[in-house]
Amino acid sequence: MAETIPLSGLAVGSSAVLREFPKTGPAFLRMREMGLLPGTTLKLVRTAPLGDPLEIEVRGYRLTLRRSEADAVRVEPGGRSA
């Protein structure tokens, strides 16, 4: 497996494969309910002007995450297009 980085460190327009995230807390339960599971391909679409929140595309839809949430999500850059 390749090196993982925080989702917040991914370049805008880049795709990645979600590899891991903390398994506790209400924000992470919400992420799982929205389809963010290990092995899922996603794409960082854009960030707000001040860098928070981040918009990602996953499973054919877009959602936003706070930068603090994206910091805790580990991805492997270079996944196929979301």
PDB file of N, CA and C in Angstrom:
ATOM      1  N   MET A   1       0.843  -1.181   0.000  1.00  0.00           N
ATOM      2  CA  MET A   1       0.000   0.000   0.000  1.00  0.00           C
ATOM      3  C   MET A   1       0.884   1.238   0.000  1.00  0.00           C
ATOM      4  N   ALA A   2       0.473   2.233  -0.768  1.00  0.00           N
ATOM      5  CA  ALA A   2       1.234   3.475  -0.869  1.00  0.00           C
ATOM      6  C   ALA A   2       1.093   4.302   0.399  1.00  0.00           C
ATOM      7  N   GLU A   3       1.861   5.354   0.452  1.00  0.00           N
ATOM      8  CA  GLU A   3       1.838   6.291   1.588  1.00  0.00           C
ATOM      9  C   GLU A   3       0.485   6.991   1.660  1.00  0.00           C
ATOM     10  N   THR A   4      -0.013   7.195   2.871  1.00  0.00           N
ATOM     11  CA  THR A   4      -1.262   7.921   3.040  1.00  0.00           C
ATOM     12  C   THR A   4      -0.992   9.329   3.553  1.00  0.00           C
ATOM     13  N   ILE A   5      -1.919  10.231   3.217  1.00  0.00           N
ATOM     14  CA  ILE A   5      -1.841  11.624   3.659  1.00  0.00           C
ATOM     15  C   ILE A   5      -3.210  12.019   4.206  1.00  0.00           C
ATOM     16  N   PRO A   6      -3.288  13.113   4.955  1.00  0.00           N
ATOM     17  CA  PRO A   6      -4.610  13.585   5.379  1.00  0.00           C
ATOM     18  C   PRO A   6      -5.397  14.074   4.162  1.00  0.00           C
ATOM     19  N   LEU A   7      -6.697  13.886   4.180  1.00  0.00           N
ATOM     20  CA  LEU A   7      -7.553  14.372   3.097  1.00  0.00           C
ATOM     21  C   LEU A   7      -7.351  15.865   2.883  1.00  0.00           C
ATOM     22  N   SER A   8      -7.122  16.607   3.940  1.00  0.00           N
ATOM     23  CA  SER A   8      -6.921  18.052   3.832  1.00  0.00           C
ATOM     24  C   SER A   8      -5.631  18.399   3.087  1.00  0.00           C
ATOM     25  N   GLY A   9      -4.709  17.444   2.928  1.00  0.00           N
ATOM     26  CA  GLY A   9      -3.451  17.675   2.219  1.00  0.00           C
ATOM     27  C   GLY A   9      -3.518  17.344   0.742  1.00  0.00           C
ATOM     28  N   LEU A  10      -4.656  16.861   0.272  1.00  0.00           N
ATOM     29  CA  LEU A  10      -4.833  16.502  -1.126  1.00  0.00           C
ATOM     30  C   LEU A  10      -4.973  17.778  -1.969  1.00  0.00           C
ATOM     31  N   ALA A  11      -4.402  17.793  -3.141  1.00  0.00           N
ATOM     32  CA  ALA A  11      -4.497  18.952  -4.035  1.00  0.00           C
ATOM     33  C   ALA A  11      -5.890  19.015  -4.663  1.00  0.00           C
ATOM     34  N   VAL A  12      -6.399  20.219  -4.856  1.00  0.00           N
ATOM     35  CA  VAL A  12      -7.705  20.413  -5.486  1.00  0.00           C
ATOM     36  C   VAL A  12      -7.694  19.766  -6.865  1.00  0.00           C
ATOM     37  N   GLY A  13      -8.725  19.001  -7.173  1.00  0.00           N
ATOM     38  CA  GLY A  13      -8.830  18.309  -8.453  1.00  0.00           C
ATOM     39  C   GLY A  13      -8.257  16.909  -8.442  1.00  0.00           C
ATOM     40  N   SER A  14      -7.587  16.528  -7.354  1.00  0.00           N
ATOM     41  CA  SER A  14      -6.964  15.209  -7.267  1.00  0.00           C
ATOM     42  C   SER A  14      -7.928  14.176  -6.705  1.00  0.00           C
ATOM     43  N   SER A  15      -7.751  12.945  -7.147  1.00  0.00           N
ATOM     44  CA  SER A  15      -8.531  11.824  -6.638  1.00  0.00           C
ATOM     45  C   SER A  15      -7.678  11.017  -5.671  1.00  0.00           C
ATOM     46  N   ALA A  16      -8.344  10.290  -4.795  1.00  0.00           N
ATOM     47  CA  ALA A  16      -7.648   9.460  -3.813  1.00  0.00           C
ATOM     48  C   ALA A  16      -8.590   8.349  -3.355  1.00  0.00           C
ATOM     49  N   VAL A  17      -8.015   7.374  -2.682  1.00  0.00           N
ATOM     50  CA  VAL A  17      -8.791   6.288  -2.097  1.00  0.00           C
ATOM     51  C   VAL A  17      -8.738   6.450  -0.591  1.00  0.00           C
ATOM     52  N   LEU A  18      -9.910   6.470   0.036  1.00  0.00           N
ATOM     53  CA  LEU A  18      -9.974   6.588   1.490  1.00  0.00           C
ATOM     54  C   LEU A  18      -9.420   5.305   2.109  1.00  0.00           C
ATOM     55  N   ARG A  19      -8.496   5.455   3.027  1.00  0.00           N
ATOM     56  CA  ARG A  19      -7.884   4.291   3.665  1.00  0.00           C
ATOM     57  C   ARG A  19      -8.284   4.122   5.124  1.00  0.00           C
ATOM     58  N   GLU A  20      -8.393   5.223   5.883  1.00  0.00           N
ATOM     59  CA  GLU A  20      -8.775   5.071   7.291  1.00  0.00           C
ATOM     60  C   GLU A  20      -9.245   6.395   7.873  1.00  0.00           C
ATOM     61  N   PHE A  21     -10.030   6.282   8.940  1.00  0.00           N
ATOM     62  CA  PHE A  21     -10.456   7.441   9.719  1.00  0.00           C
ATOM     63  C   PHE A  21     -10.810   6.941  11.102  1.00  0.00           C
ATOM     64  N   PRO A  22     -10.790   7.824  12.089  1.00  0.00           N
ATOM     65  CA  PRO A  22     -11.135   7.402  13.450  1.00  0.00           C
ATOM     66  C   PRO A  22     -12.534   6.795  13.483  1.00  0.00           C
ATOM     67  N   LYS A  23     -12.713   5.821  14.324  1.00  0.00           N
ATOM     68  CA  LYS A  23     -13.967   5.081  14.378  1.00  0.00           C
ATOM     69  C   LYS A  23     -14.884   5.548  15.502  1.00  0.00           C
ATOM     70  N   THR A  24     -14.637   6.733  16.046  1.00  0.00           N
ATOM     71  CA  THR A  24     -15.459   7.224  17.149  1.00  0.00           C
ATOM     72  C   THR A  24     -15.923   8.647  16.875  1.00  0.00           C
ATOM     73  N   GLY A  25     -16.959   9.042  17.581  1.00  0.00           N
ATOM     74  CA  GLY A  25     -17.447  10.420  17.510  1.00  0.00           C
ATOM     75  C   GLY A  25     -18.579  10.593  16.521  1.00  0.00           C
ATOM     76  N   PRO A  26     -19.444  11.553  16.757  1.00  0.00           N
ATOM     77  CA  PRO A  26     -20.611  11.766  15.896  1.00  0.00           C
ATOM     78  C   PRO A  26     -20.255  12.177  14.472  1.00  0.00           C
ATOM     79  N   ALA A  27     -19.184  12.938  14.267  1.00  0.00           N
ATOM     80  CA  ALA A  27     -18.810  13.353  12.919  1.00  0.00           C
ATOM     81  C   ALA A  27     -18.424  12.142  12.077  1.00  0.00           C
ATOM     82  N   PHE A  28     -17.777  11.177  12.671  1.00  0.00           N
ATOM     83  CA  PHE A  28     -17.325  10.015  11.911  1.00  0.00           C
ATOM     84  C   PHE A  28     -18.458   9.029  11.660  1.00  0.00           C
ATOM     85  N   LEU A  29     -19.441   8.971  12.551  1.00  0.00           N
ATOM     86  CA  LEU A  29     -20.642   8.191  12.294  1.00  0.00           C
ATOM     87  C   LEU A  29     -21.372   8.802  11.094  1.00  0.00           C
ATOM     88  N   ARG A  30     -21.470  10.128  11.067  1.00  0.00           N
ATOM     89  CA  ARG A  30     -22.107  10.836   9.961  1.00  0.00           C
ATOM     90  C   ARG A  30     -21.375  10.553   8.644  1.00  0.00           C
ATOM     91  N   MET A  31     -20.041  10.551   8.666  1.00  0.00           N
ATOM     92  CA  MET A  31     -19.269  10.280   7.449  1.00  0.00           C
ATOM     93  C   MET A  31     -19.565   8.882   6.919  1.00  0.00           C
ATOM     94  N   ARG A  32     -19.597   7.893   7.797  1.00  0.00           N
ATOM     95  CA  ARG A  32     -19.894   6.519   7.368  1.00  0.00           C
ATOM     96  C   ARG A  32     -21.294   6.439   6.782  1.00  0.00           C
ATOM     97  N   GLU A  33     -22.246   7.123   7.391  1.00  0.00           N
ATOM     98  CA  GLU A  33     -23.623   7.108   6.889  1.00  0.00           C
ATOM     99  C   GLU A  33     -23.719   7.748   5.511  1.00  0.00           C
ATOM    100  N   MET A  34     -22.815   8.661   5.190  1.00  0.00           N
ATOM    101  CA  MET A  34     -22.817   9.318   3.875  1.00  0.00           C
ATOM    102  C   MET A  34     -21.990   8.553   2.848  1.00  0.00           C
ATOM    103  N   GLY A  35     -21.458   7.402   3.196  1.00  0.00           N
ATOM    104  CA  GLY A  35     -20.753   6.568   2.229  1.00  0.00           C
ATOM    105  C   GLY A  35     -19.247   6.664   2.250  1.00  0.00           C
ATOM    106  N   LEU A  36     -18.668   7.359   3.212  1.00  0.00           N
ATOM    107  CA  LEU A  36     -17.204   7.421   3.316  1.00  0.00           C
ATOM    108  C   LEU A  36     -16.719   6.202   4.086  1.00  0.00           C
ATOM    109  N   LEU A  37     -16.306   5.202   3.335  1.00  0.00           N
ATOM    110  CA  LEU A  37     -15.831   3.951   3.909  1.00  0.00           C
ATOM    111  C   LEU A  37     -14.454   3.642   3.347  1.00  0.00           C
ATOM    112  N   PRO A  38     -13.631   2.901   4.067  1.00  0.00           N
ATOM    113  CA  PRO A  38     -12.315   2.526   3.531  1.00  0.00           C
ATOM    114  C   PRO A  38     -12.462   1.855   2.163  1.00  0.00           C
ATOM    115  N   GLY A  39     -11.619   2.267   1.230  1.00  0.00           N
ATOM    116  CA  GLY A  39     -11.659   1.744  -0.132  1.00  0.00           C
ATOM    117  C   GLY A  39     -12.463   2.594  -1.096  1.00  0.00           C
ATOM    118  N   THR A  40     -13.177   3.590  -0.584  1.00  0.00           N
ATOM    119  CA  THR A  40     -13.985   4.472  -1.419  1.00  0.00           C
ATOM    120  C   THR A  40     -13.107   5.485  -2.138  1.00  0.00           C
ATOM    121  N   THR A  41     -13.346   5.662  -3.440  1.00  0.00           N
ATOM    122  CA  THR A  41     -12.624   6.666  -4.215  1.00  0.00           C
ATOM    123  C   THR A  41     -13.342   8.002  -4.069  1.00  0.00           C
ATOM    124  N   LEU A  42     -12.563   9.057  -3.887  1.00  0.00           N
ATOM    125  CA  LEU A  42     -13.128  10.394  -3.770  1.00  0.00           C
ATOM    126  C   LEU A  42     -12.246  11.381  -4.496  1.00  0.00           C
ATOM    127  N   LYS A  43     -12.784  12.575  -4.703  1.00  0.00           N
ATOM    128  CA  LYS A  43     -12.048  13.637  -5.398  1.00  0.00           C
ATOM    129  C   LYS A  43     -12.247  14.934  -4.623  1.00  0.00           C
ATOM    130  N   LEU A  44     -11.164  15.670  -4.388  1.00  0.00           N
ATOM    131  CA  LEU A  44     -11.270  16.976  -3.747  1.00  0.00           C
ATOM    132  C   LEU A  44     -11.650  17.977  -4.833  1.00  0.00           C
ATOM    133  N   VAL A  45     -12.864  18.501  -4.749  1.00  0.00           N
ATOM    134  CA  VAL A  45     -13.398  19.391  -5.775  1.00  0.00           C
ATOM    135  C   VAL A  45     -12.894  20.815  -5.583  1.00  0.00           C
ATOM    136  N   ARG A  46     -13.029  21.327  -4.355  1.00  0.00           N
ATOM    137  CA  ARG A  46     -12.572  22.689  -4.082  1.00  0.00           C
ATOM    138  C   ARG A  46     -12.561  22.941  -2.587  1.00  0.00           C
ATOM    139  N   THR A  47     -11.909  24.045  -2.230  1.00  0.00           N
ATOM    140  CA  THR A  47     -11.912  24.489  -0.841  1.00  0.00           C
ATOM    141  C   THR A  47     -12.494  25.900  -0.802  1.00  0.00           C
ATOM    142  N   ALA A  48     -13.037  26.278   0.328  1.00  0.00           N
ATOM    143  CA  ALA A  48     -13.550  27.638   0.499  1.00  0.00           C
ATOM    144  C   ALA A  48     -12.378  28.611   0.457  1.00  0.00           C
ATOM    145  N   PRO A  49     -12.639  29.885   0.218  1.00  0.00           N
ATOM    146  CA  PRO A  49     -11.550  30.867   0.105  1.00  0.00           C
ATOM    147  C   PRO A  49     -10.579  30.880   1.289  1.00  0.00           C
ATOM    148  N   LEU A  50     -11.061  30.648   2.479  1.00  0.00           N
ATOM    149  CA  LEU A  50     -10.160  30.629   3.635  1.00  0.00           C
ATOM    150  C   LEU A  50      -9.720  29.206   4.004  1.00  0.00           C
ATOM    151  N   GLY A  51     -10.015  28.227   3.128  1.00  0.00           N
ATOM    152  CA  GLY A  51      -9.546  26.864   3.330  1.00  0.00           C
ATOM    153  C   GLY A  51     -10.457  25.980   4.157  1.00  0.00           C
ATOM    154  N   ASP A  52     -11.614  26.449   4.563  1.00  0.00           N
ATOM    155  CA  ASP A  52     -12.518  25.649   5.391  1.00  0.00           C
ATOM    156  C   ASP A  52     -13.941  26.061   5.080  1.00  0.00           C
ATOM    157  N   PRO A  53     -14.804  25.185   4.624  1.00  0.00           N
ATOM    158  CA  PRO A  53     -14.702  23.736   4.498  1.00  0.00           C
ATOM    159  C   PRO A  53     -14.118  23.298   3.145  1.00  0.00           C
ATOM    160  N   LEU A  54     -14.018  21.973   2.988  1.00  0.00           N
ATOM    161  CA  LEU A  54     -13.558  21.361   1.751  1.00  0.00           C
ATOM    162  C   LEU A  54     -14.733  20.637   1.121  1.00  0.00           C
ATOM    163  N   GLU A  55     -14.833  20.701  -0.205  1.00  0.00           N
ATOM    164  CA  GLU A  55     -15.894  19.992  -0.921  1.00  0.00           C
ATOM    165  C   GLU A  55     -15.282  18.786  -1.620  1.00  0.00           C
ATOM    166  N   ILE A  56     -15.879  17.615  -1.395  1.00  0.00           N
ATOM    167  CA  ILE A  56     -15.399  16.400  -2.042  1.00  0.00           C
ATOM    168  C   ILE A  56     -16.531  15.778  -2.850  1.00  0.00           C
ATOM    169  N   GLU A  57     -16.138  14.989  -3.838  1.00  0.00           N
ATOM    170  CA  GLU A  57     -17.097  14.214  -4.612  1.00  0.00           C
ATOM    171  C   GLU A  57     -16.871  12.752  -4.275  1.00  0.00           C
ATOM    172  N   VAL A  58     -17.934  12.077  -3.894  1.00  0.00           N
ATOM    173  CA  VAL A  58     -17.840  10.671  -3.512  1.00  0.00           C
ATOM    174  C   VAL A  58     -19.132   9.971  -3.925  1.00  0.00           C
ATOM    175  N   ARG A  59     -19.005   8.835  -4.579  1.00  0.00           N
ATOM    176  CA  ARG A  59     -20.159   8.025  -4.997  1.00  0.00           C
ATOM    177  C   ARG A  59     -21.185   8.822  -5.812  1.00  0.00           C
ATOM    178  N   GLY A  60     -20.703   9.767  -6.644  1.00  0.00           N
ATOM    179  CA  GLY A  60     -21.578  10.507  -7.526  1.00  0.00           C
ATOM    180  C   GLY A  60     -22.265  11.726  -6.924  1.00  0.00           C
ATOM    181  N   TYR A  61     -21.948  12.074  -5.712  1.00  0.00           N
ATOM    182  CA  TYR A  61     -22.512  13.285  -5.121  1.00  0.00           C
ATOM    183  C   TYR A  61     -21.425  14.060  -4.410  1.00  0.00           C
ATOM    184  N   ARG A  62     -21.738  15.290  -4.039  1.00  0.00           N
ATOM    185  CA  ARG A  62     -20.751  16.150  -3.376  1.00  0.00           C
ATOM    186  C   ARG A  62     -21.175  16.421  -1.946  1.00  0.00           C
ATOM    187  N   LEU A  63     -20.178  16.515  -1.090  1.00  0.00           N
ATOM    188  CA  LEU A  63     -20.430  16.884   0.290  1.00  0.00           C
ATOM    189  C   LEU A  63     -19.277  17.715   0.801  1.00  0.00           C
ATOM    190  N   THR A  64     -19.519  18.436   1.863  1.00  0.00           N
ATOM    191  CA  THR A  64     -18.474  19.272   2.452  1.00  0.00           C
ATOM    192  C   THR A  64     -18.098  18.744   3.818  1.00  0.00           C
ATOM    193  N   LEU A  65     -16.821  18.899   4.141  1.00  0.00           N
ATOM    194  CA  LEU A  65     -16.278  18.504   5.438  1.00  0.00           C
ATOM    195  C   LEU A  65     -15.513  19.679   6.022  1.00  0.00           C
ATOM    196  N   ARG A  66     -15.568  19.802   7.313  1.00  0.00           N
ATOM    197  CA  ARG A  66     -14.725  20.790   7.986  1.00  0.00           C
ATOM    198  C   ARG A  66     -13.269  20.367   7.828  1.00  0.00           C
ATOM    199  N   ARG A  67     -12.392  21.319   7.817  1.00  0.00           N
ATOM    200  CA  ARG A  67     -10.961  20.991   7.699  1.00  0.00           C
ATOM    201  C   ARG A  67     -10.529  20.081   8.851  1.00  0.00           C
ATOM    202  N   SER A  68     -11.043  20.317  10.056  1.00  0.00           N
ATOM    203  CA  SER A  68     -10.669  19.473  11.201  1.00  0.00           C
ATOM    204  C   SER A  68     -11.093  18.025  10.987  1.00  0.00           C
ATOM    205  N   GLU A  69     -12.229  17.798  10.326  1.00  0.00           N
ATOM    206  CA  GLU A  69     -12.660  16.432  10.011  1.00  0.00           C
ATOM    207  C   GLU A  69     -11.759  15.838   8.931  1.00  0.00           C
ATOM    208  N   ALA A  70     -11.455  16.640   7.901  1.00  0.00           N
ATOM    209  CA  ALA A  70     -10.605  16.169   6.804  1.00  0.00           C
ATOM    210  C   ALA A  70      -9.185  15.869   7.278  1.00  0.00           C
ATOM    211  N   ASP A  71      -8.715  16.564   8.312  1.00  0.00           N
ATOM    212  CA  ASP A  71      -7.379  16.300   8.867  1.00  0.00           C
ATOM    213  C   ASP A  71      -7.282  14.885   9.440  1.00  0.00           C
ATOM    214  N   ALA A  72      -8.406  14.350   9.924  1.00  0.00           N
ATOM    215  CA  ALA A  72      -8.404  13.039  10.573  1.00  0.00           C
ATOM    216  C   ALA A  72      -8.619  11.887   9.595  1.00  0.00           C
ATOM    217  N   VAL A  73      -8.970  12.193   8.345  1.00  0.00           N
ATOM    218  CA  VAL A  73      -9.222  11.166   7.334  1.00  0.00           C
ATOM    219  C   VAL A  73      -7.940  10.942   6.541  1.00  0.00           C
ATOM    220  N   ARG A  74      -7.500   9.693   6.442  1.00  0.00           N
ATOM    221  CA  ARG A  74      -6.277   9.351   5.704  1.00  0.00           C
ATOM    222  C   ARG A  74      -6.648   8.784   4.345  1.00  0.00           C
ATOM    223  N   VAL A  75      -6.000   9.300   3.286  1.00  0.00           N
ATOM    224  CA  VAL A  75      -6.270   8.849   1.927  1.00  0.00           C
ATOM    225  C   VAL A  75      -4.975   8.475   1.231  1.00  0.00           C
ATOM    226  N   GLU A  76      -5.097   7.646   0.208  1.00  0.00           N
ATOM    227  CA  GLU A  76      -3.977   7.281  -0.653  1.00  0.00           C
ATOM    228  C   GLU A  76      -4.163   8.021  -1.980  1.00  0.00           C
ATOM    229  N   PRO A  77      -3.328   9.005  -2.270  1.00  0.00           N
ATOM    230  CA  PRO A  77      -3.483   9.792  -3.497  1.00  0.00           C
ATOM    231  C   PRO A  77      -3.376   8.913  -4.750  1.00  0.00           C
ATOM    232  N   GLY A  78      -4.047   9.382  -5.817  1.00  0.00           N
ATOM    233  CA  GLY A  78      -3.912   8.720  -7.107  1.00  0.00           C
ATOM    234  C   GLY A  78      -4.994   7.732  -7.427  1.00  0.00           C
ATOM    235  N   GLY A  79      -6.096   7.739  -6.701  1.00  0.00           N
ATOM    236  CA  GLY A  79      -7.196   6.847  -7.024  1.00  0.00           C
ATOM    237  C   GLY A  79      -7.830   7.228  -8.348  1.00  0.00           C
ATOM    238  N   ARG A  80      -8.616   6.320  -8.913  1.00  0.00           N
ATOM    239  CA  ARG A  80      -9.306   6.644 -10.161  1.00  0.00           C
ATOM    240  C   ARG A  80     -10.315   7.748  -9.901  1.00  0.00           C
ATOM    241  N   SER A  81     -10.802   8.368 -10.949  1.00  0.00           N
ATOM    242  CA  SER A  81     -11.728   9.500 -10.820  1.00  0.00           C
ATOM    243  C   SER A  81     -12.983   9.090 -10.069  1.00  0.00           C
ATOM    244  N   ALA A  82     -13.444   9.985  -9.148  1.00  0.00           N
ATOM    245  CA  ALA A  82     -14.602   9.683  -8.293  1.00  0.00           C
ATOM    246  C   ALA A  82     -15.899   9.701  -9.060  1.00  0.00           C
TER     247      ALA A  82
END
